[in-house]
Each structure stands twice: as structure tokens, then as C-alpha cells.
Amino acid sequence: MQITIDLPKHTIEQIAQRADSQQQTVEQFAKDAILAQLNVYPSQNDRALMAQEIDAYHRLHPELVKTYLGQHVAIFNGMLVDSSDNITALMARINQQYPDDVVLIRQVEEEPERILHFRSNRLVRA
């Protein structure tokens, strides 16, 4: 199926620059970006499978950090199946090789989970 989307000229220029820097066509870059965005939020049925892949990532993390620190890795069925410095290229390969499967993609950092701290303002009634 083909669709047409009207975008501002500066957006098209940005897409063209990024596609060129990753040696992709504009069409392929846009397709990969849309597929990556859709894969960010797994469906309810996939959450249990994703939890298993997250557990596997935690189990594999001590070894991954030695070799893949800073890179993105793909975990499928509890095993490392691919890695790359380029997340777009990795996503494209994963979408091609595992189109209907749950695959965890994470950037390998020193700690397996990033801890986020949120500060909030305290409102006091006068």
C-alpha cells in the first residue's frame, strides 16, 4: 500500500540528509523510522514475551558490557542476535529477519537499567 504525506520543506530536507548519511533512500529511511516508532509500544499480548527478553538482557548484561558498551543490541529468545552502532540499520535488519517477533533492542550502558530521578515542585497552600 502506498500513501502520500505532505511535509514541510525543511522536514523533507532533514529526512533526506539523514537518509543520505545512512546510505539509504528517503523512502527506506522513512519506512524504517515509522516501523521503529510502531515497535516502541508492544501490544498487551507481547508484554510477557518482552519481559522475558528484558530478563535475558539483565542476565547477559555483564558480558554485553565488556564487548558492546555504547552499541545497540538485539535480544531474541534470550540470546544476542545482532548489534550495531547504528540503531536505524539494526532496526531495519531486525524488522526484516524477525518481522512478527518480539525482539528487545537496547543500548548497552554501564548499568543494565537507567535510573531516572524526577524532581517535583511542592505546592504549599498559604
C-alpha atoms as a PDB file:
ATOM      1  CA  MET A   1       0.000   0.000   0.000  1.00  0.00           C
ATOM      2  CA  GLN A   2       1.274   3.454  -0.805  1.00  0.00           C
ATOM      3  CA  ILE A   3       0.377   6.685   0.958  1.00  0.00           C
ATOM      4  CA  THR A   4       1.286  10.305   0.347  1.00  0.00           C
ATOM      5  CA  ILE A   5       2.183  12.630   3.201  1.00  0.00           C
ATOM      6  CA  ASP A   6       2.618  16.384   2.862  1.00  0.00           C
ATOM      7  CA  LEU A   7       5.579  17.577   4.934  1.00  0.00           C
ATOM      8  CA  PRO A   8       7.240  20.974   5.289  1.00  0.00           C
ATOM      9  CA  LYS A   9      10.263  21.500   3.045  1.00  0.00           C
ATOM     10  CA  HIS A  10      12.699  21.700   5.995  1.00  0.00           C
ATOM     11  CA  THR A  11      11.432  18.341   7.302  1.00  0.00           C
ATOM     12  CA  ILE A  12      11.943  16.705   3.916  1.00  0.00           C
ATOM     13  CA  GLU A  13      15.466  18.159   3.787  1.00  0.00           C
ATOM     14  CA  GLN A  14      16.236  16.733   7.245  1.00  0.00           C
ATOM     15  CA  ILE A  15      14.926  13.316   6.215  1.00  0.00           C
ATOM     16  CA  ALA A  16      16.987  13.416   3.014  1.00  0.00           C
ATOM     17  CA  GLN A  17      20.146  14.351   4.942  1.00  0.00           C
ATOM     18  CA  ARG A  18      19.688  11.561   7.474  1.00  0.00           C
ATOM     19  CA  ALA A  19      18.866   9.019   4.785  1.00  0.00           C
ATOM     20  CA  ASP A  20      21.957  10.059   2.837  1.00  0.00           C
ATOM     21  CA  SER A  21      24.175   9.837   5.937  1.00  0.00           C
ATOM     22  CA  GLN A  22      22.947   6.269   6.488  1.00  0.00           C
ATOM     23  CA  GLN A  23      23.250   5.398   2.805  1.00  0.00           C
ATOM     24  CA  GLN A  24      19.524   4.778   2.437  1.00  0.00           C
ATOM     25  CA  THR A  25      16.844   6.064   0.133  1.00  0.00           C
ATOM     26  CA  VAL A  26      14.417   8.578   1.603  1.00  0.00           C
ATOM     27  CA  GLU A  27      11.644   6.002   1.216  1.00  0.00           C
ATOM     28  CA  GLN A  28      13.565   3.301   3.103  1.00  0.00           C
ATOM     29  CA  PHE A  29      14.611   5.717   5.862  1.00  0.00           C
ATOM     30  CA  ALA A  30      11.009   6.902   6.340  1.00  0.00           C
ATOM     31  CA  LYS A  31       9.699   3.332   6.349  1.00  0.00           C
ATOM     32  CA  ASP A  32      12.284   2.236   8.921  1.00  0.00           C
ATOM     33  CA  ALA A  33      11.547   5.261  11.122  1.00  0.00           C
ATOM     34  CA  ILE A  34       7.801   4.568  11.082  1.00  0.00           C
ATOM     35  CA  LEU A  35       8.288   0.856  11.792  1.00  0.00           C
ATOM     36  CA  ALA A  36      10.677   1.656  14.625  1.00  0.00           C
ATOM     37  CA  GLN A  37       8.122   4.017  16.167  1.00  0.00           C
ATOM     38  CA  LEU A  38       5.369   1.418  15.938  1.00  0.00           C
ATOM     39  CA  ASN A  39       7.594  -1.189  17.581  1.00  0.00           C
ATOM     40  CA  VAL A  40       8.266   1.044  20.588  1.00  0.00           C
ATOM     41  CA  TYR A  41       4.970   0.110  22.238  1.00  0.00           C
ATOM     42  CA  PRO A  42       4.387  -3.651  22.342  1.00  0.00           C
ATOM     43  CA  SER A  43       0.815  -4.902  22.366  1.00  0.00           C
ATOM     44  CA  GLN A  44      -0.663  -6.422  25.507  1.00  0.00           C
ATOM     45  CA  ASN A  45      -0.046  -9.941  24.162  1.00  0.00           C
ATOM     46  CA  ASP A  46       3.633  -9.195  23.605  1.00  0.00           C
ATOM     47  CA  ARG A  47       4.362  -7.832  27.077  1.00  0.00           C
ATOM     48  CA  ALA A  48       5.089 -11.216  28.643  1.00  0.00           C
ATOM     49  CA  LEU A  49       7.497 -12.047  25.821  1.00  0.00           C
ATOM     50  CA  MET A  50       9.149  -8.632  26.164  1.00  0.00           C
ATOM     51  CA  ALA A  51       9.539  -9.196  29.915  1.00  0.00           C
ATOM     52  CA  GLN A  52      11.369 -12.450  29.148  1.00  0.00           C
ATOM     53  CA  GLU A  53      13.713 -10.645  26.742  1.00  0.00           C
ATOM     54  CA  ILE A  54      14.360  -7.935  29.354  1.00  0.00           C
ATOM     55  CA  ASP A  55      15.222 -10.644  31.899  1.00  0.00           C
ATOM     56  CA  ALA A  56      17.591 -12.185  29.346  1.00  0.00           C
ATOM     57  CA  TYR A  57      19.215  -8.789  28.750  1.00  0.00           C
ATOM     58  CA  HIS A  58      19.838  -8.462  32.500  1.00  0.00           C
ATOM     59  CA  ARG A  59      21.334 -11.951  32.576  1.00  0.00           C
ATOM     60  CA  LEU A  60      23.556 -11.214  29.559  1.00  0.00           C
ATOM     61  CA  HIS A  61      24.479  -7.669  30.631  1.00  0.00           C
ATOM     62  CA  PRO A  62      27.805  -8.481  32.386  1.00  0.00           C
ATOM     63  CA  GLU A  63      29.147  -9.991  29.159  1.00  0.00           C
ATOM     64  CA  LEU A  64      27.492  -7.462  26.846  1.00  0.00           C
ATOM     65  CA  VAL A  65      29.084  -4.511  28.638  1.00  0.00           C
ATOM     66  CA  LYS A  66      32.549  -5.971  28.006  1.00  0.00           C
ATOM     67  CA  THR A  67      32.129  -6.121  24.226  1.00  0.00           C
ATOM     68  CA  TYR A  68      29.169  -3.941  23.215  1.00  0.00           C
ATOM     69  CA  LEU A  69      29.334  -0.921  25.542  1.00  0.00           C
ATOM     70  CA  GLY A  70      27.663   2.023  23.775  1.00  0.00           C
ATOM     71  CA  GLN A  71      26.262  -0.131  20.973  1.00  0.00           C
ATOM     72  CA  HIS A  72      22.672  -1.219  20.450  1.00  0.00           C
ATOM     73  CA  VAL A  73      21.963  -4.921  20.820  1.00  0.00           C
ATOM     74  CA  ALA A  74      19.024  -7.096  19.804  1.00  0.00           C
ATOM     75  CA  ILE A  75      17.888  -9.894  22.131  1.00  0.00           C
ATOM     76  CA  PHE A  76      15.589 -12.626  20.804  1.00  0.00           C
ATOM     77  CA  ASN A  77      14.646 -15.873  22.564  1.00  0.00           C
ATOM     78  CA  GLY A  78      17.059 -14.998  25.362  1.00  0.00           C
ATOM     79  CA  MET A  79      20.081 -14.660  23.067  1.00  0.00           C
ATOM     80  CA  LEU A  80      22.023 -11.849  21.434  1.00  0.00           C
ATOM     81  CA  VAL A  81      21.105 -11.961  17.740  1.00  0.00           C
ATOM     82  CA  ASP A  82      22.551  -8.691  16.373  1.00  0.00           C
ATOM     83  CA  SER A  83      24.292  -5.456  17.324  1.00  0.00           C
ATOM     84  CA  SER A  84      25.205  -2.130  15.761  1.00  0.00           C
ATOM     85  CA  ASP A  85      26.345   1.422  16.420  1.00  0.00           C
ATOM     86  CA  ASN A  86      23.564   2.476  14.049  1.00  0.00           C
ATOM     87  CA  ILE A  87      20.148   1.863  15.590  1.00  0.00           C
ATOM     88  CA  THR A  88      18.318   2.563  12.330  1.00  0.00           C
ATOM     89  CA  ALA A  89      20.324  -0.075  10.477  1.00  0.00           C
ATOM     90  CA  LEU A  90      19.837  -2.518  13.359  1.00  0.00           C
ATOM     91  CA  MET A  91      16.077  -1.899  13.395  1.00  0.00           C
ATOM     92  CA  ALA A  92      15.916  -2.461   9.640  1.00  0.00           C
ATOM     93  CA  ARG A  93      17.710  -5.803   9.925  1.00  0.00           C
ATOM     94  CA  ILE A  94      15.586  -6.919  12.866  1.00  0.00           C
ATOM     95  CA  ASN A  95      12.360  -5.912  11.116  1.00  0.00           C
ATOM     96  CA  GLN A  96      13.466  -7.900   8.084  1.00  0.00           C
ATOM     97  CA  GLN A  97      14.685 -11.001   9.957  1.00  0.00           C
ATOM     98  CA  TYR A  98      12.041 -11.077  12.711  1.00  0.00           C
ATOM     99  CA  PRO A  99       9.038  -9.183  11.273  1.00  0.00           C
ATOM    100  CA  ASP A 100       6.388 -10.608  13.600  1.00  0.00           C
ATOM    101  CA  ASP A 101       8.502 -11.498  16.627  1.00  0.00           C
ATOM    102  CA  VAL A 102       9.187  -9.688  19.875  1.00  0.00           C
ATOM    103  CA  VAL A 103      12.817  -8.552  19.872  1.00  0.00           C
ATOM    104  CA  LEU A 104      14.312  -6.348  22.578  1.00  0.00           C
ATOM    105  CA  ILE A 105      16.643  -3.620  21.344  1.00  0.00           C
ATOM    106  CA  ARG A 106      18.679  -1.782  23.964  1.00  0.00           C
ATOM    107  CA  GLN A 107      21.739   0.393  24.081  1.00  0.00           C
ATOM    108  CA  VAL A 108      24.321  -1.267  26.303  1.00  0.00           C
ATOM    109  CA  GLU A 109      25.284   1.045  29.161  1.00  0.00           C
ATOM    110  CA  GLU A 110      27.386   0.547  32.291  1.00  0.00           C
ATOM    111  CA  GLU A 111      24.263  -0.327  34.289  1.00  0.00           C
ATOM    112  CA  PRO A 112      21.550  -2.622  32.888  1.00  0.00           C
ATOM    113  CA  GLU A 113      18.796  -0.136  33.741  1.00  0.00           C
ATOM    114  CA  ARG A 114      18.946   3.630  33.653  1.00  0.00           C
ATOM    115  CA  ILE A 115      17.736   5.218  36.870  1.00  0.00           C
ATOM    116  CA  LEU A 116      15.704   8.350  36.299  1.00  0.00           C
ATOM    117  CA  HIS A 117      15.275  10.947  39.017  1.00  0.00           C
ATOM    118  CA  PHE A 118      12.347  13.325  38.804  1.00  0.00           C
ATOM    119  CA  ARG A 119      12.109  16.415  40.933  1.00  0.00           C
ATOM    120  CA  SER A 120       8.750  17.950  41.560  1.00  0.00           C
ATOM    121  CA  ASN A 121       7.719  21.265  42.938  1.00  0.00           C
ATOM    122  CA  ARG A 122       5.935  21.197  46.235  1.00  0.00           C
ATOM    123  CA  LEU A 123       2.962  23.496  46.339  1.00  0.00           C
ATOM    124  CA  VAL A 124       2.059  24.863  49.736  1.00  0.00           C
ATOM    125  CA  ARG A 125      -1.273  26.493  50.317  1.00  0.00           C
ATOM    126  CA  ALA A 126      -0.940  29.852  52.047  1.00  0.00           C
END
